[in-house]
Amino acid sequence: MSRSTDHVVAALGDPTRRAVLALVGQRGPLTASELAERLPVSRQAVMKHLDLLRTAGLVASEKDGRAVRYVLRAEPLDDAAAWMADVGSAWDRRLDALSRRAKTSTPPP
């Protein structure tokens, strides 16, 4: 797993950050204050979550006059999804091999 995928997985591990991503993805660019109005956390907490999401590459900030708006960047999600699919495929192969081995082995007397 790459360092960037590590950041994405860590960022997605928190329900508030997932809610922030959902809001930004559904409603378009939002300020930290607009996000805080829609979430049960303070603006300061939203800022901390946005900082971590920005570090993971999941949001980008855009200046709009004096306001800073945050937008979703979905590309890092694609990389994390590909990693999860690879891990899932590896486990499927291991379980298939184990199942085949169990079916072909003879039970002890």
N, C-alpha and C. Protein backbone atom coordinates (compact mmCIF):
# COMPACT_ATOMS: atom_id res chain seq x y z
N MET A 1 0.87 -1.17 0.00
CA MET A 1 0.00 0.00 0.00
C MET A 1 0.91 1.23 0.00
N SER A 2 0.58 2.17 -0.85
CA SER A 2 1.38 3.39 -0.94
C SER A 2 1.07 4.33 0.22
N ARG A 3 1.97 5.27 0.42
CA ARG A 3 1.79 6.25 1.51
C ARG A 3 0.50 7.05 1.30
N SER A 4 0.20 7.41 0.04
CA SER A 4 -1.01 8.19 -0.22
C SER A 4 -2.26 7.36 0.08
N THR A 5 -2.21 6.07 -0.24
CA THR A 5 -3.35 5.21 0.09
C THR A 5 -3.49 5.07 1.60
N ASP A 6 -2.38 5.02 2.32
CA ASP A 6 -2.42 5.01 3.79
C ASP A 6 -3.19 6.21 4.31
N HIS A 7 -2.89 7.38 3.76
CA HIS A 7 -3.57 8.62 4.20
C HIS A 7 -5.06 8.57 3.89
N VAL A 8 -5.41 8.05 2.73
CA VAL A 8 -6.82 7.98 2.34
C VAL A 8 -7.58 7.04 3.26
N VAL A 9 -7.01 5.86 3.50
CA VAL A 9 -7.67 4.88 4.38
C VAL A 9 -7.82 5.46 5.79
N ALA A 10 -6.79 6.11 6.29
CA ALA A 10 -6.86 6.72 7.62
C ALA A 10 -7.94 7.81 7.66
N ALA A 11 -7.99 8.62 6.61
CA ALA A 11 -8.99 9.70 6.55
C ALA A 11 -10.40 9.14 6.53
N LEU A 12 -10.60 8.05 5.79
CA LEU A 12 -11.94 7.47 5.67
C LEU A 12 -12.36 6.71 6.93
N GLY A 13 -11.43 6.50 7.85
CA GLY A 13 -11.74 5.78 9.07
C GLY A 13 -12.59 6.55 10.06
N ASP A 14 -12.79 7.83 9.83
CA ASP A 14 -13.56 8.66 10.76
C ASP A 14 -14.92 9.02 10.15
N PRO A 15 -16.02 8.79 10.89
CA PRO A 15 -17.34 9.07 10.33
C PRO A 15 -17.59 10.55 10.03
N THR A 16 -16.99 11.44 10.79
CA THR A 16 -17.18 12.87 10.51
C THR A 16 -16.50 13.24 9.20
N ARG A 17 -15.30 12.70 8.97
CA ARG A 17 -14.63 13.00 7.70
C ARG A 17 -15.40 12.42 6.53
N ARG A 18 -15.98 11.23 6.71
CA ARG A 18 -16.80 10.67 5.63
C ARG A 18 -18.00 11.56 5.37
N ALA A 19 -18.59 12.11 6.42
CA ALA A 19 -19.73 13.02 6.26
C ALA A 19 -19.30 14.30 5.54
N VAL A 20 -18.13 14.82 5.87
CA VAL A 20 -17.61 16.01 5.19
C VAL A 20 -17.45 15.72 3.70
N LEU A 21 -16.85 14.58 3.37
CA LEU A 21 -16.67 14.21 1.96
C LEU A 21 -18.00 14.07 1.24
N ALA A 22 -18.97 13.46 1.92
CA ALA A 22 -20.29 13.30 1.30
C ALA A 22 -20.93 14.65 1.02
N LEU A 23 -20.86 15.56 1.98
CA LEU A 23 -21.45 16.88 1.79
C LEU A 23 -20.77 17.65 0.67
N VAL A 24 -19.46 17.64 0.66
CA VAL A 24 -18.73 18.37 -0.38
C VAL A 24 -18.98 17.73 -1.74
N GLY A 25 -19.08 16.40 -1.77
CA GLY A 25 -19.35 15.71 -3.02
C GLY A 25 -20.75 15.95 -3.56
N GLN A 26 -21.73 16.05 -2.66
CA GLN A 26 -23.12 16.22 -3.07
C GLN A 26 -23.49 17.68 -3.33
N ARG A 27 -22.99 18.57 -2.52
CA ARG A 27 -23.43 19.97 -2.58
C ARG A 27 -22.43 20.89 -3.28
N GLY A 28 -21.29 20.36 -3.66
CA GLY A 28 -20.31 21.20 -4.33
C GLY A 28 -19.43 21.93 -3.34
N PRO A 29 -18.70 22.93 -3.79
CA PRO A 29 -17.78 23.64 -2.91
C PRO A 29 -18.49 24.26 -1.70
N LEU A 30 -17.95 23.99 -0.50
CA LEU A 30 -18.52 24.53 0.74
C LEU A 30 -17.39 25.09 1.60
N THR A 31 -17.73 26.09 2.40
CA THR A 31 -16.78 26.63 3.36
C THR A 31 -16.82 25.78 4.62
N ALA A 32 -15.83 25.96 5.48
CA ALA A 32 -15.81 25.25 6.76
C ALA A 32 -17.03 25.63 7.60
N SER A 33 -17.43 26.88 7.55
CA SER A 33 -18.62 27.31 8.31
C SER A 33 -19.88 26.64 7.79
N GLU A 34 -20.01 26.55 6.47
CA GLU A 34 -21.19 25.88 5.90
C GLU A 34 -21.22 24.40 6.27
N LEU A 35 -20.06 23.78 6.31
CA LEU A 35 -19.99 22.38 6.72
C LEU A 35 -20.37 22.23 8.19
N ALA A 36 -19.85 23.12 9.03
CA ALA A 36 -20.14 23.06 10.47
C ALA A 36 -21.63 23.23 10.75
N GLU A 37 -22.32 24.03 9.93
CA GLU A 37 -23.76 24.21 10.10
C GLU A 37 -24.53 22.91 9.86
N ARG A 38 -23.96 22.02 9.04
CA ARG A 38 -24.64 20.78 8.66
C ARG A 38 -24.17 19.57 9.47
N LEU A 39 -23.18 19.77 10.32
CA LEU A 39 -22.61 18.67 11.10
C LEU A 39 -22.70 18.97 12.59
N PRO A 40 -22.68 17.93 13.42
CA PRO A 40 -22.76 18.14 14.87
C PRO A 40 -21.40 18.42 15.52
N VAL A 41 -20.56 19.18 14.82
CA VAL A 41 -19.24 19.53 15.35
C VAL A 41 -18.98 21.01 15.11
N SER A 42 -18.00 21.54 15.82
CA SER A 42 -17.68 22.97 15.69
C SER A 42 -16.93 23.25 14.39
N ARG A 43 -16.85 24.52 14.06
CA ARG A 43 -16.09 24.93 12.88
C ARG A 43 -14.62 24.55 13.04
N GLN A 44 -14.09 24.70 14.25
CA GLN A 44 -12.69 24.35 14.51
C GLN A 44 -12.46 22.86 14.26
N ALA A 45 -13.40 22.03 14.68
CA ALA A 45 -13.28 20.59 14.44
C ALA A 45 -13.36 20.30 12.94
N VAL A 46 -14.25 20.98 12.24
CA VAL A 46 -14.35 20.81 10.79
C VAL A 46 -13.03 21.17 10.13
N MET A 47 -12.39 22.25 10.58
CA MET A 47 -11.11 22.67 10.01
C MET A 47 -10.04 21.59 10.19
N LYS A 48 -10.03 20.95 11.36
CA LYS A 48 -9.06 19.87 11.59
C LYS A 48 -9.33 18.69 10.65
N HIS A 49 -10.60 18.36 10.48
CA HIS A 49 -10.95 17.28 9.57
C HIS A 49 -10.58 17.64 8.13
N LEU A 50 -10.85 18.87 7.73
CA LEU A 50 -10.50 19.31 6.38
C LEU A 50 -9.00 19.28 6.16
N ASP A 51 -8.22 19.62 7.17
CA ASP A 51 -6.77 19.59 7.05
C ASP A 51 -6.29 18.17 6.80
N LEU A 52 -6.84 17.21 7.51
CA LEU A 52 -6.46 15.82 7.31
C LEU A 52 -6.91 15.33 5.92
N LEU A 53 -8.13 15.72 5.53
CA LEU A 53 -8.62 15.33 4.20
C LEU A 53 -7.76 15.96 3.09
N ARG A 54 -7.28 17.17 3.31
CA ARG A 54 -6.42 17.82 2.33
C ARG A 54 -5.07 17.09 2.26
N THR A 55 -4.54 16.69 3.41
CA THR A 55 -3.29 15.93 3.44
C THR A 55 -3.42 14.62 2.66
N ALA A 56 -4.58 14.00 2.76
CA ALA A 56 -4.85 12.76 2.03
C ALA A 56 -5.15 13.00 0.57
N GLY A 57 -5.30 14.26 0.17
CA GLY A 57 -5.59 14.61 -1.21
C GLY A 57 -7.04 14.47 -1.59
N LEU A 58 -7.92 14.32 -0.59
CA LEU A 58 -9.34 14.10 -0.86
C LEU A 58 -10.14 15.38 -1.04
N VAL A 59 -9.63 16.49 -0.56
CA VAL A 59 -10.27 17.79 -0.80
C VAL A 59 -9.19 18.78 -1.21
N ALA A 60 -9.62 19.78 -1.93
CA ALA A 60 -8.75 20.90 -2.29
C ALA A 60 -9.47 22.18 -1.89
N SER A 61 -8.71 23.20 -1.59
CA SER A 61 -9.31 24.48 -1.22
C SER A 61 -9.22 25.44 -2.39
N GLU A 62 -10.26 26.27 -2.51
CA GLU A 62 -10.32 27.29 -3.56
C GLU A 62 -10.71 28.61 -2.91
N LYS A 63 -9.99 29.66 -3.24
CA LYS A 63 -10.33 30.99 -2.74
C LYS A 63 -11.51 31.52 -3.53
N ASP A 64 -12.49 32.05 -2.81
CA ASP A 64 -13.67 32.68 -3.42
C ASP A 64 -13.86 34.01 -2.70
N GLY A 65 -13.15 35.03 -3.17
CA GLY A 65 -13.13 36.30 -2.44
C GLY A 65 -12.38 36.10 -1.14
N ARG A 66 -13.05 36.40 -0.02
CA ARG A 66 -12.43 36.18 1.29
C ARG A 66 -12.71 34.78 1.82
N ALA A 67 -13.63 34.08 1.21
CA ALA A 67 -13.99 32.73 1.67
C ALA A 67 -13.08 31.69 1.04
N VAL A 68 -12.89 30.62 1.78
CA VAL A 68 -12.17 29.45 1.26
C VAL A 68 -13.19 28.33 1.15
N ARG A 69 -13.35 27.81 -0.04
CA ARG A 69 -14.30 26.72 -0.29
C ARG A 69 -13.53 25.44 -0.56
N TYR A 70 -14.12 24.35 -0.12
CA TYR A 70 -13.48 23.04 -0.26
C TYR A 70 -14.24 22.20 -1.27
N VAL A 71 -13.48 21.54 -2.15
CA VAL A 71 -14.06 20.71 -3.20
C VAL A 71 -13.51 19.29 -3.07
N LEU A 72 -14.30 18.34 -3.51
CA LEU A 72 -13.92 16.94 -3.48
C LEU A 72 -12.91 16.65 -4.58
N ARG A 73 -11.91 15.86 -4.26
CA ARG A 73 -10.97 15.32 -5.25
C ARG A 73 -11.09 13.80 -5.15
N ALA A 74 -11.69 13.19 -6.15
CA ALA A 74 -12.02 11.76 -6.08
C ALA A 74 -10.87 10.84 -6.50
N GLU A 75 -9.85 11.36 -7.15
CA GLU A 75 -8.78 10.50 -7.66
C GLU A 75 -8.15 9.62 -6.58
N PRO A 76 -7.83 10.15 -5.40
CA PRO A 76 -7.24 9.28 -4.37
C PRO A 76 -8.19 8.14 -3.94
N LEU A 77 -9.49 8.35 -4.06
CA LEU A 77 -10.43 7.29 -3.74
C LEU A 77 -10.29 6.14 -4.72
N ASP A 78 -10.02 6.45 -5.98
CA ASP A 78 -9.82 5.42 -6.99
C ASP A 78 -8.62 4.54 -6.64
N ASP A 79 -7.53 5.16 -6.22
CA ASP A 79 -6.34 4.40 -5.83
C ASP A 79 -6.61 3.51 -4.63
N ALA A 80 -7.33 4.03 -3.63
CA ALA A 80 -7.66 3.24 -2.44
C ALA A 80 -8.60 2.09 -2.81
N ALA A 81 -9.56 2.34 -3.69
CA ALA A 81 -10.49 1.29 -4.12
C ALA A 81 -9.74 0.20 -4.88
N ALA A 82 -8.77 0.57 -5.70
CA ALA A 82 -7.97 -0.42 -6.43
C ALA A 82 -7.18 -1.27 -5.45
N TRP A 83 -6.60 -0.65 -4.43
CA TRP A 83 -5.86 -1.41 -3.42
C TRP A 83 -6.78 -2.38 -2.71
N MET A 84 -7.98 -1.93 -2.31
CA MET A 84 -8.94 -2.80 -1.63
C MET A 84 -9.36 -3.97 -2.53
N ALA A 85 -9.55 -3.70 -3.82
CA ALA A 85 -9.92 -4.76 -4.76
C ALA A 85 -8.79 -5.79 -4.87
N ASP A 86 -7.54 -5.32 -4.90
CA ASP A 86 -6.40 -6.24 -4.96
C ASP A 86 -6.34 -7.12 -3.71
N VAL A 87 -6.53 -6.52 -2.55
CA VAL A 87 -6.51 -7.28 -1.30
C VAL A 87 -7.65 -8.29 -1.29
N GLY A 88 -8.83 -7.86 -1.71
CA GLY A 88 -9.98 -8.77 -1.76
C GLY A 88 -9.74 -9.93 -2.71
N SER A 89 -9.15 -9.67 -3.86
CA SER A 89 -8.86 -10.74 -4.83
C SER A 89 -7.85 -11.73 -4.26
N ALA A 90 -6.84 -11.22 -3.57
CA ALA A 90 -5.84 -12.10 -2.97
C ALA A 90 -6.48 -13.02 -1.94
N TRP A 91 -7.37 -12.47 -1.12
CA TRP A 91 -8.06 -13.30 -0.13
C TRP A 91 -8.99 -14.32 -0.81
N ASP A 92 -9.66 -13.93 -1.87
CA ASP A 92 -10.51 -14.87 -2.61
C ASP A 92 -9.69 -16.04 -3.13
N ARG A 93 -8.51 -15.75 -3.69
CA ARG A 93 -7.65 -16.82 -4.20
C ARG A 93 -7.21 -17.75 -3.07
N ARG A 94 -6.84 -17.18 -1.94
CA ARG A 94 -6.41 -18.01 -0.80
C ARG A 94 -7.55 -18.89 -0.30
N LEU A 95 -8.73 -18.31 -0.19
CA LEU A 95 -9.88 -19.10 0.29
C LEU A 95 -10.27 -20.19 -0.70
N ASP A 96 -10.18 -19.90 -2.00
CA ASP A 96 -10.46 -20.91 -3.02
C ASP A 96 -9.47 -22.07 -2.92
N ALA A 97 -8.20 -21.74 -2.74
CA ALA A 97 -7.17 -22.78 -2.61
C ALA A 97 -7.41 -23.61 -1.37
N LEU A 98 -7.76 -22.98 -0.28
CA LEU A 98 -8.04 -23.70 0.95
C LEU A 98 -9.26 -24.62 0.78
N SER A 99 -10.29 -24.12 0.11
CA SER A 99 -11.49 -24.92 -0.14
C SER A 99 -11.17 -26.13 -1.00
N ARG A 100 -10.37 -25.94 -2.06
CA ARG A 100 -9.98 -27.06 -2.93
C ARG A 100 -9.18 -28.09 -2.15
N ARG A 101 -8.27 -27.61 -1.32
CA ARG A 101 -7.45 -28.52 -0.52
C ARG A 101 -8.31 -29.31 0.46
N ALA A 102 -9.28 -28.65 1.08
CA ALA A 102 -10.16 -29.32 2.03
C ALA A 102 -11.01 -30.39 1.34
N LYS A 103 -11.43 -30.13 0.11
CA LYS A 103 -12.27 -31.08 -0.62
C LYS A 103 -11.47 -32.30 -1.11
N THR A 104 -10.19 -32.12 -1.39
CA THR A 104 -9.40 -33.21 -1.92
C THR A 104 -8.65 -34.00 -0.86
N SER A 105 -8.56 -33.50 0.33
CA SER A 105 -7.84 -34.23 1.37
C SER A 105 -8.76 -35.30 1.95
N THR A 106 -8.15 -36.37 2.39
CA THR A 106 -8.92 -37.46 2.99
C THR A 106 -8.94 -37.28 4.49
N PRO A 107 -10.07 -37.55 5.11
CA PRO A 107 -10.13 -37.40 6.57
C PRO A 107 -9.32 -38.49 7.26
N PRO A 108 -8.76 -38.19 8.42
CA PRO A 108 -7.99 -39.21 9.16
C PRO A 108 -8.92 -40.33 9.61
N PRO A 109 -8.38 -41.58 9.70
CA PRO A 109 -9.22 -42.73 10.13
C PRO A 109 -9.64 -42.65 11.57
